[in-house]
PDB file of N, CA and C in Angstrom:
ATOM      1  N   MET A   1       6.613  12.121   8.351  1.00  0.00           N
ATOM      2  CA  MET A   1       5.824  11.350   9.294  1.00  0.00           C
ATOM      3  C   MET A   1       5.555  12.221  10.518  1.00  0.00           C
ATOM      4  N   PRO A   2       4.297  12.192  11.041  1.00  0.00           N
ATOM      5  CA  PRO A   2       3.991  13.004  12.218  1.00  0.00           C
ATOM      6  C   PRO A   2       4.797  12.571  13.431  1.00  0.00           C
ATOM      7  N   ALA A   3       4.938  13.485  14.352  1.00  0.00           N
ATOM      8  CA  ALA A   3       5.632  13.172  15.597  1.00  0.00           C
ATOM      9  C   ALA A   3       4.867  12.084  16.339  1.00  0.00           C
ATOM     10  N   PRO A   4       5.561  11.249  17.127  1.00  0.00           N
ATOM     11  CA  PRO A   4       4.890  10.152  17.836  1.00  0.00           C
ATOM     12  C   PRO A   4       3.739  10.603  18.721  1.00  0.00           C
ATOM     13  N   ASP A   5       3.792  11.830  19.261  1.00  0.00           N
ATOM     14  CA  ASP A   5       2.735  12.298  20.151  1.00  0.00           C
ATOM     15  C   ASP A   5       1.675  13.121  19.417  1.00  0.00           C
ATOM     16  N   SER A   6       1.747  13.178  18.089  1.00  0.00           N
ATOM     17  CA  SER A   6       0.776  13.935  17.310  1.00  0.00           C
ATOM     18  C   SER A   6      -0.600  13.280  17.398  1.00  0.00           C
ATOM     19  N   PRO A   7      -1.666  14.069  17.587  1.00  0.00           N
ATOM     20  CA  PRO A   7      -3.011  13.484  17.639  1.00  0.00           C
ATOM     21  C   PRO A   7      -3.442  12.939  16.276  1.00  0.00           C
ATOM     22  N   LEU A   8      -2.752  13.324  15.203  1.00  0.00           N
ATOM     23  CA  LEU A   8      -3.109  12.855  13.877  1.00  0.00           C
ATOM     24  C   LEU A   8      -2.345  11.608  13.468  1.00  0.00           C
ATOM     25  N   ARG A   9      -1.445  11.141  14.292  1.00  0.00           N
ATOM     26  CA  ARG A   9      -0.695   9.931  13.960  1.00  0.00           C
ATOM     27  C   ARG A   9      -1.672   8.772  13.838  1.00  0.00           C
ATOM     28  N   ILE A  10      -1.489   7.962  12.834  1.00  0.00           N
ATOM     29  CA  ILE A  10      -2.395   6.850  12.582  1.00  0.00           C
ATOM     30  C   ILE A  10      -1.942   5.644  13.394  1.00  0.00           C
ATOM     31  N   HIS A  11      -2.820   5.174  14.256  1.00  0.00           N
ATOM     32  CA  HIS A  11      -2.532   4.015  15.099  1.00  0.00           C
ATOM     33  C   HIS A  11      -3.425   2.871  14.675  1.00  0.00           C
ATOM     34  N   LEU A  12      -2.841   1.701  14.510  1.00  0.00           N
ATOM     35  CA  LEU A  12      -3.610   0.500  14.208  1.00  0.00           C
ATOM     36  C   LEU A  12      -3.517  -0.442  15.397  1.00  0.00           C
ATOM     37  N   SER A  13      -4.617  -1.101  15.694  1.00  0.00           N
ATOM     38  CA  SER A  13      -4.564  -2.111  16.752  1.00  0.00           C
ATOM     39  C   SER A  13      -3.659  -3.235  16.279  1.00  0.00           C
ATOM     40  N   GLU A  14      -3.148  -4.013  17.225  1.00  0.00           N
ATOM     41  CA  GLU A  14      -2.277  -5.136  16.867  1.00  0.00           C
ATOM     42  C   GLU A  14      -3.020  -6.145  15.999  1.00  0.00           C
ATOM     43  N   ASP A  15      -4.287  -6.378  16.297  1.00  0.00           N
ATOM     44  CA  ASP A  15      -5.075  -7.315  15.484  1.00  0.00           C
ATOM     45  C   ASP A  15      -5.221  -6.825  14.050  1.00  0.00           C
ATOM     46  N   ARG A  16      -5.531  -5.543  13.890  1.00  0.00           N
ATOM     47  CA  ARG A  16      -5.688  -4.987  12.544  1.00  0.00           C
ATOM     48  C   ARG A  16      -4.360  -5.014  11.807  1.00  0.00           C
ATOM     49  N   ARG A  17      -3.294  -4.688  12.504  1.00  0.00           N
ATOM     50  CA  ARG A  17      -1.961  -4.710  11.896  1.00  0.00           C
ATOM     51  C   ARG A  17      -1.595  -6.101  11.388  1.00  0.00           C
ATOM     52  N   ARG A  18      -1.833  -7.105  12.230  1.00  0.00           N
ATOM     53  CA  ARG A  18      -1.549  -8.487  11.824  1.00  0.00           C
ATOM     54  C   ARG A  18      -2.374  -8.885  10.607  1.00  0.00           C
ATOM     55  N   LEU A  19      -3.655  -8.511  10.615  1.00  0.00           N
ATOM     56  CA  LEU A  19      -4.524  -8.835   9.491  1.00  0.00           C
ATOM     57  C   LEU A  19      -4.030  -8.166   8.206  1.00  0.00           C
ATOM     58  N   LEU A  20      -3.669  -6.900   8.294  1.00  0.00           N
ATOM     59  CA  LEU A  20      -3.188  -6.179   7.110  1.00  0.00           C
ATOM     60  C   LEU A  20      -1.872  -6.766   6.597  1.00  0.00           C
ATOM     61  N   ILE A  21      -1.004  -7.154   7.498  1.00  0.00           N
ATOM     62  CA  ILE A  21       0.267  -7.758   7.081  1.00  0.00           C
ATOM     63  C   ILE A  21       0.002  -9.066   6.337  1.00  0.00           C
ATOM     64  N   LYS A  22      -0.916  -9.877   6.856  1.00  0.00           N
ATOM     65  CA  LYS A  22      -1.265 -11.121   6.163  1.00  0.00           C
ATOM     66  C   LYS A  22      -1.880 -10.832   4.793  1.00  0.00           C
ATOM     67  N   GLU A  23      -2.730  -9.799   4.715  1.00  0.00           N
ATOM     68  CA  GLU A  23      -3.344  -9.442   3.440  1.00  0.00           C
ATOM     69  C   GLU A  23      -2.305  -8.944   2.442  1.00  0.00           C
ATOM     70  N   ILE A  24      -1.337  -8.185   2.908  1.00  0.00           N
ATOM     71  CA  ILE A  24      -0.258  -7.717   2.029  1.00  0.00           C
ATOM     72  C   ILE A  24       0.537  -8.910   1.510  1.00  0.00           C
ATOM     73  N   MET A  25       0.846  -9.835   2.401  1.00  0.00           N
ATOM     74  CA  MET A  25       1.616 -11.012   1.991  1.00  0.00           C
ATOM     75  C   MET A  25       0.840 -11.837   0.953  1.00  0.00           C
ATOM     76  N   ALA A  26      -0.461 -12.026   1.177  1.00  0.00           N
ATOM     77  CA  ALA A  26      -1.284 -12.790   0.236  1.00  0.00           C
ATOM     78  C   ALA A  26      -1.414 -12.049  -1.088  1.00  0.00           C
ATOM     79  N   TRP A  27      -1.618 -10.738  -1.035  1.00  0.00           N
ATOM     80  CA  TRP A  27      -1.759  -9.952  -2.259  1.00  0.00           C
ATOM     81  C   TRP A  27      -0.472 -10.015  -3.083  1.00  0.00           C
ATOM     82  N   PHE A  28       0.652  -9.869  -2.422  1.00  0.00           N
ATOM     83  CA  PHE A  28       1.938  -9.904  -3.118  1.00  0.00           C
ATOM     84  C   PHE A  28       2.141 -11.258  -3.795  1.00  0.00           C
ATOM     85  N   GLN A  29       1.757 -12.325  -3.090  1.00  0.00           N
ATOM     86  CA  GLN A  29       1.874 -13.667  -3.655  1.00  0.00           C
ATOM     87  C   GLN A  29       0.952 -13.821  -4.866  1.00  0.00           C
ATOM     88  N   ASP A  30      -0.279 -13.353  -4.753  1.00  0.00           N
ATOM     89  CA  ASP A  30      -1.249 -13.474  -5.849  1.00  0.00           C
ATOM     90  C   ASP A  30      -0.864 -12.615  -7.054  1.00  0.00           C
ATOM     91  N   GLU A  31      -0.428 -11.408  -6.804  1.00  0.00           N
ATOM     92  CA  GLU A  31      -0.143 -10.472  -7.889  1.00  0.00           C
ATOM     93  C   GLU A  31       1.209 -10.713  -8.555  1.00  0.00           C
ATOM     94  N   TYR A  32       2.207 -11.050  -7.766  1.00  0.00           N
ATOM     95  CA  TYR A  32       3.577 -11.146  -8.283  1.00  0.00           C
ATOM     96  C   TYR A  32       4.150 -12.560  -8.239  1.00  0.00           C
ATOM     97  N   ASP A  33       3.363 -13.480  -7.692  1.00  0.00           N
ATOM     98  CA  ASP A  33       3.788 -14.873  -7.578  1.00  0.00           C
ATOM     99  C   ASP A  33       5.136 -14.987  -6.854  1.00  0.00           C
ATOM    100  N   GLU A  34       5.301 -14.166  -5.837  1.00  0.00           N
ATOM    101  CA  GLU A  34       6.500 -14.187  -4.988  1.00  0.00           C
ATOM    102  C   GLU A  34       6.059 -14.053  -3.545  1.00  0.00           C
ATOM    103  N   SER A  35       6.764 -14.753  -2.679  1.00  0.00           N
ATOM    104  CA  SER A  35       6.432 -14.625  -1.263  1.00  0.00           C
ATOM    105  C   SER A  35       7.128 -13.398  -0.684  1.00  0.00           C
ATOM    106  N   LEU A  36       6.457 -12.810   0.263  1.00  0.00           N
ATOM    107  CA  LEU A  36       6.981 -11.631   0.946  1.00  0.00           C
ATOM    108  C   LEU A  36       7.054 -12.006   2.421  1.00  0.00           C
ATOM    109  N   SER A  37       8.206 -11.795   3.036  1.00  0.00           N
ATOM    110  CA  SER A  37       8.333 -12.136   4.458  1.00  0.00           C
ATOM    111  C   SER A  37       7.458 -11.204   5.296  1.00  0.00           C
ATOM    112  N   GLU A  38       7.162 -11.656   6.493  1.00  0.00           N
ATOM    113  CA  GLU A  38       6.367 -10.820   7.402  1.00  0.00           C
ATOM    114  C   GLU A  38       7.093  -9.503   7.687  1.00  0.00           C
ATOM    115  N   PHE A  39       8.397  -9.568   7.833  1.00  0.00           N
ATOM    116  CA  PHE A  39       9.199  -8.373   8.089  1.00  0.00           C
ATOM    117  C   PHE A  39       9.047  -7.359   6.943  1.00  0.00           C
ATOM    118  N   ARG A  40       9.140  -7.837   5.714  1.00  0.00           N
ATOM    119  CA  ARG A  40       9.007  -6.934   4.559  1.00  0.00           C
ATOM    120  C   ARG A  40       7.578  -6.421   4.420  1.00  0.00           C
ATOM    121  N   ALA A  41       6.606  -7.272   4.717  1.00  0.00           N
ATOM    122  CA  ALA A  41       5.210  -6.836   4.660  1.00  0.00           C
ATOM    123  C   ALA A  41       4.958  -5.733   5.698  1.00  0.00           C
ATOM    124  N   GLN A  42       5.592  -5.845   6.856  1.00  0.00           N
ATOM    125  CA  GLN A  42       5.484  -4.782   7.865  1.00  0.00           C
ATOM    126  C   GLN A  42       6.044  -3.475   7.319  1.00  0.00           C
ATOM    127  N   GLY A  43       7.174  -3.572   6.626  1.00  0.00           N
ATOM    128  CA  GLY A  43       7.767  -2.384   6.022  1.00  0.00           C
ATOM    129  C   GLY A  43       6.862  -1.757   4.970  1.00  0.00           C
ATOM    130  N   VAL A  44       6.233  -2.589   4.159  1.00  0.00           N
ATOM    131  CA  VAL A  44       5.294  -2.083   3.142  1.00  0.00           C
ATOM    132  C   VAL A  44       4.126  -1.385   3.826  1.00  0.00           C
ATOM    133  N   LEU A  45       3.571  -2.014   4.860  1.00  0.00           N
ATOM    134  CA  LEU A  45       2.456  -1.413   5.594  1.00  0.00           C
ATOM    135  C   LEU A  45       2.868  -0.077   6.202  1.00  0.00           C
ATOM    136  N   ASP A  46       4.008  -0.037   6.865  1.00  0.00           N
ATOM    137  CA  ASP A  46       4.473   1.209   7.482  1.00  0.00           C
ATOM    138  C   ASP A  46       4.694   2.298   6.439  1.00  0.00           C
ATOM    139  N   PHE A  47       5.253   1.921   5.292  1.00  0.00           N
ATOM    140  CA  PHE A  47       5.465   2.900   4.227  1.00  0.00           C
ATOM    141  C   PHE A  47       4.144   3.492   3.756  1.00  0.00           C
ATOM    142  N   PHE A  48       3.166   2.631   3.475  1.00  0.00           N
ATOM    143  CA  PHE A  48       1.902   3.139   2.953  1.00  0.00           C
ATOM    144  C   PHE A  48       1.114   3.925   3.994  1.00  0.00           C
ATOM    145  N   ILE A  49       1.214   3.538   5.245  1.00  0.00           N
ATOM    146  CA  ILE A  49       0.555   4.329   6.284  1.00  0.00           C
ATOM    147  C   ILE A  49       1.179   5.723   6.335  1.00  0.00           C
ATOM    148  N   ALA A  50       2.505   5.789   6.278  1.00  0.00           N
ATOM    149  CA  ALA A  50       3.186   7.088   6.333  1.00  0.00           C
ATOM    150  C   ALA A  50       2.945   7.901   5.062  1.00  0.00           C
ATOM    151  N   ALA A  51       2.951   7.235   3.902  1.00  0.00           N
ATOM    152  CA  ALA A  51       2.838   7.950   2.631  1.00  0.00           C
ATOM    153  C   ALA A  51       1.397   8.316   2.292  1.00  0.00           C
ATOM    154  N   LEU A  52       0.467   7.404   2.531  1.00  0.00           N
ATOM    155  CA  LEU A  52      -0.921   7.628   2.129  1.00  0.00           C
ATOM    156  C   LEU A  52      -1.849   7.969   3.279  1.00  0.00           C
ATOM    157  N   GLY A  53      -1.522   7.502   4.458  1.00  0.00           N
ATOM    158  CA  GLY A  53      -2.420   7.678   5.600  1.00  0.00           C
ATOM    159  C   GLY A  53      -2.867   9.104   5.841  1.00  0.00           C
ATOM    160  N   PRO A  54      -1.956  10.062   5.961  1.00  0.00           N
ATOM    161  CA  PRO A  54      -2.393  11.430   6.234  1.00  0.00           C
ATOM    162  C   PRO A  54      -3.280  12.007   5.130  1.00  0.00           C
ATOM    163  N   ALA A  55      -2.971  11.725   3.881  1.00  0.00           N
ATOM    164  CA  ALA A  55      -3.788  12.255   2.778  1.00  0.00           C
ATOM    165  C   ALA A  55      -5.191  11.649   2.807  1.00  0.00           C
ATOM    166  N   VAL A  56      -5.280  10.348   3.042  1.00  0.00           N
ATOM    167  CA  VAL A  56      -6.581   9.685   3.099  1.00  0.00           C
ATOM    168  C   VAL A  56      -7.366  10.178   4.313  1.00  0.00           C
ATOM    169  N   TYR A  57      -6.703  10.299   5.444  1.00  0.00           N
ATOM    170  CA  TYR A  57      -7.342  10.809   6.657  1.00  0.00           C
ATOM    171  C   TYR A  57      -7.864  12.231   6.428  1.00  0.00           C
ATOM    172  N   ASN A  58      -7.004  13.084   5.886  1.00  0.00           N
ATOM    173  CA  ASN A  58      -7.408  14.476   5.641  1.00  0.00           C
ATOM    174  C   ASN A  58      -8.561  14.558   4.653  1.00  0.00           C
ATOM    175  N   GLN A  59      -8.563  13.691   3.631  1.00  0.00           N
ATOM    176  CA  GLN A  59      -9.673  13.692   2.681  1.00  0.00           C
ATOM    177  C   GLN A  59     -10.970  13.281   3.367  1.00  0.00           C
ATOM    178  N   GLY A  60     -10.895  12.310   4.259  1.00  0.00           N
ATOM    179  CA  GLY A  60     -12.071  11.906   5.017  1.00  0.00           C
ATOM    180  C   GLY A  60     -12.608  13.042   5.876  1.00  0.00           C
ATOM    181  N   VAL A  61     -11.709  13.782   6.508  1.00  0.00           N
ATOM    182  CA  VAL A  61     -12.123  14.938   7.317  1.00  0.00           C
ATOM    183  C   VAL A  61     -12.773  15.992   6.416  1.00  0.00           C
ATOM    184  N   GLN A  62     -12.168  16.256   5.256  1.00  0.00           N
ATOM    185  CA  GLN A  62     -12.737  17.237   4.313  1.00  0.00           C
ATOM    186  C   GLN A  62     -14.125  16.801   3.839  1.00  0.00           C
ATOM    187  N   ASP A  63     -14.267  15.523   3.508  1.00  0.00           N
ATOM    188  CA  ASP A  63     -15.561  15.009   3.048  1.00  0.00           C
ATOM    189  C   ASP A  63     -16.618  15.137   4.142  1.00  0.00           C
ATOM    190  N   ALA A  64     -16.262  14.791   5.367  1.00  0.00           N
ATOM    191  CA  ALA A  64     -17.197  14.894   6.487  1.00  0.00           C
ATOM    192  C   ALA A  64     -17.574  16.348   6.736  1.00  0.00           C
ATOM    193  N   ARG A  65     -16.585  17.232   6.687  1.00  0.00           N
ATOM    194  CA  ARG A  65     -16.860  18.659   6.894  1.00  0.00           C
ATOM    195  C   ARG A  65     -17.800  19.194   5.815  1.00  0.00           C
ATOM    196  N   GLY A  66     -17.549  18.835   4.562  1.00  0.00           N
ATOM    197  CA  GLY A  66     -18.414  19.277   3.471  1.00  0.00           C
ATOM    198  C   GLY A  66     -19.836  18.774   3.632  1.00  0.00           C
ATOM    199  N   TYR A  67     -19.967  17.512   4.018  1.00  0.00           N
ATOM    200  CA  TYR A  67     -21.294  16.928   4.231  1.00  0.00           C
ATOM    201  C   TYR A  67     -22.030  17.682   5.338  1.00  0.00           C
ATOM    202  N   LEU A  68     -21.338  17.915   6.458  1.00  0.00           N
ATOM    203  CA  LEU A  68     -21.967  18.615   7.578  1.00  0.00           C
ATOM    204  C   LEU A  68     -22.292  20.060   7.220  1.00  0.00           C
ATOM    205  N   GLN A  69     -21.423  20.718   6.479  1.00  0.00           N
ATOM    206  CA  GLN A  69     -21.700  22.093   6.068  1.00  0.00           C
ATOM    207  C   GLN A  69     -22.940  22.153   5.179  1.00  0.00           C
ATOM    208  N   ASP A  70     -23.083  21.203   4.266  1.00  0.00           N
ATOM    209  CA  ASP A  70     -24.274  21.162   3.413  1.00  0.00           C
ATOM    210  C   ASP A  70     -25.538  20.977   4.241  1.00  0.00           C
ATOM    211  N   LYS A  71     -25.471  20.083   5.224  1.00  0.00           N
ATOM    212  CA  LYS A  71     -26.638  19.832   6.083  1.00  0.00           C
ATOM    213  C   LYS A  71     -26.943  21.050   6.947  1.00  0.00           C
ATOM    214  N   LEU A  72     -25.910  21.706   7.469  1.00  0.00           N
ATOM    215  CA  LEU A  72     -26.136  22.885   8.308  1.00  0.00           C
ATOM    216  C   LEU A  72     -26.647  24.067   7.498  1.00  0.00           C
ATOM    217  N   ALA A  73     -26.213  24.168   6.241  1.00  0.00           N
ATOM    218  CA  ALA A  73     -26.668  25.267   5.386  1.00  0.00           C
ATOM    219  C   ALA A  73     -28.169  25.168   5.148  1.00  0.00           C
ATOM    220  N   ASP A  74     -28.692  23.962   5.125  1.00  0.00           N
ATOM    221  CA  ASP A  74     -30.118  23.758   4.886  1.00  0.00           C
ATOM    222  C   ASP A  74     -30.806  23.207   6.134  1.00  0.00           C
ATOM    223  N   LEU A  75     -30.312  23.607   7.293  1.00  0.00           N
ATOM    224  CA  LEU A  75     -30.845  23.084   8.545  1.00  0.00           C
ATOM    225  C   LEU A  75     -32.336  23.339   8.674  1.00  0.00           C
ATOM    226  N   GLU A  76     -32.772  24.544   8.357  1.00  0.00           N
ATOM    227  CA  GLU A  76     -34.185  24.860   8.468  1.00  0.00           C
ATOM    228  C   GLU A  76     -35.013  23.987   7.523  1.00  0.00           C
ATOM    229  N   GLY A  77     -34.526  23.797   6.314  1.00  0.00           N
ATOM    230  CA  GLY A  77     -35.240  22.954   5.359  1.00  0.00           C
ATOM    231  C   GLY A  77     -35.264  21.501   5.786  1.00  0.00           C
ATOM    232  N   GLU A  78     -34.237  21.071   6.470  1.00  0.00           N
ATOM    233  CA  GLU A  78     -34.147  19.682   6.908  1.00  0.00           C
ATOM    234  C   GLU A  78     -35.048  19.383   8.103  1.00  0.00           C
ATOM    235  N   VAL A  79     -35.161  20.327   9.021  1.00  0.00           N
ATOM    236  CA  VAL A  79     -35.861  20.029  10.274  1.00  0.00           C
ATOM    237  C   VAL A  79     -37.014  20.984  10.581  1.00  0.00           C
ATOM    238  N   TYR A  80     -37.374  21.847   9.664  1.00  0.00           N
ATOM    239  CA  TYR A  80     -38.437  22.828   9.922  1.00  0.00           C
ATOM    240  C   TYR A  80     -39.762  22.127  10.165  1.00  0.00           C
ATOM    241  N   GLU A  81     -40.442  22.530  11.202  1.00  0.00           N
ATOM    242  CA  GLU A  81     -41.759  22.004  11.525  1.00  0.00           C
ATOM    243  C   GLU A  81     -42.748  23.163  11.461  1.00  0.00           C
ATOM    244  N   PRO A  82     -43.703  23.088  10.553  1.00  0.00           N
ATOM    245  CA  PRO A  82     -44.687  24.184  10.441  1.00  0.00           C
ATOM    246  C   PRO A  82     -45.427  24.378  11.757  1.00  0.00           C
ATOM    247  N   GLU A  83     -45.682  25.622  12.065  1.00  0.00           N
ATOM    248  CA  GLU A  83     -46.397  25.941  13.295  1.00  0.00           C
ATOM    249  C   GLU A  83     -47.885  26.152  12.992  1.00  0.00           C
ATOM    250  N   ARG A  84     -48.701  25.767  13.921  1.00  0.00           N
ATOM    251  CA  ARG A  84     -50.131  26.008  13.792  1.00  0.00           C
ATOM    252  C   ARG A  84     -50.423  27.416  14.217  1.00  0.00           C
ATOM    253  N   ARG A  85     -51.259  28.101  13.490  1.00  0.00           N
ATOM    254  CA  ARG A  85     -51.593  29.492  13.871  1.00  0.00           C
ATOM    255  C   ARG A  85     -53.025  29.618  14.194  1.00  0.00           C
TER     256      ARG A  85
END
């Protein structure tokens, strides 16, 4: 897990966190027909943020970089305006 002061640490707003915890609890009930306490749902959320968050974040950065590199490689083709002579 990144250090607390790391710029890459994933922060969720309290509203988003509450919503995700409720969604985890509902999903667990629907999928496994068992209730999950809010405390345990928080633990599941924290685990997945720590385990998957950095990989998903890094993949998003890689995808964005690749997209921008493709656009920059063809910058002239994308924005070239013929000149009148």
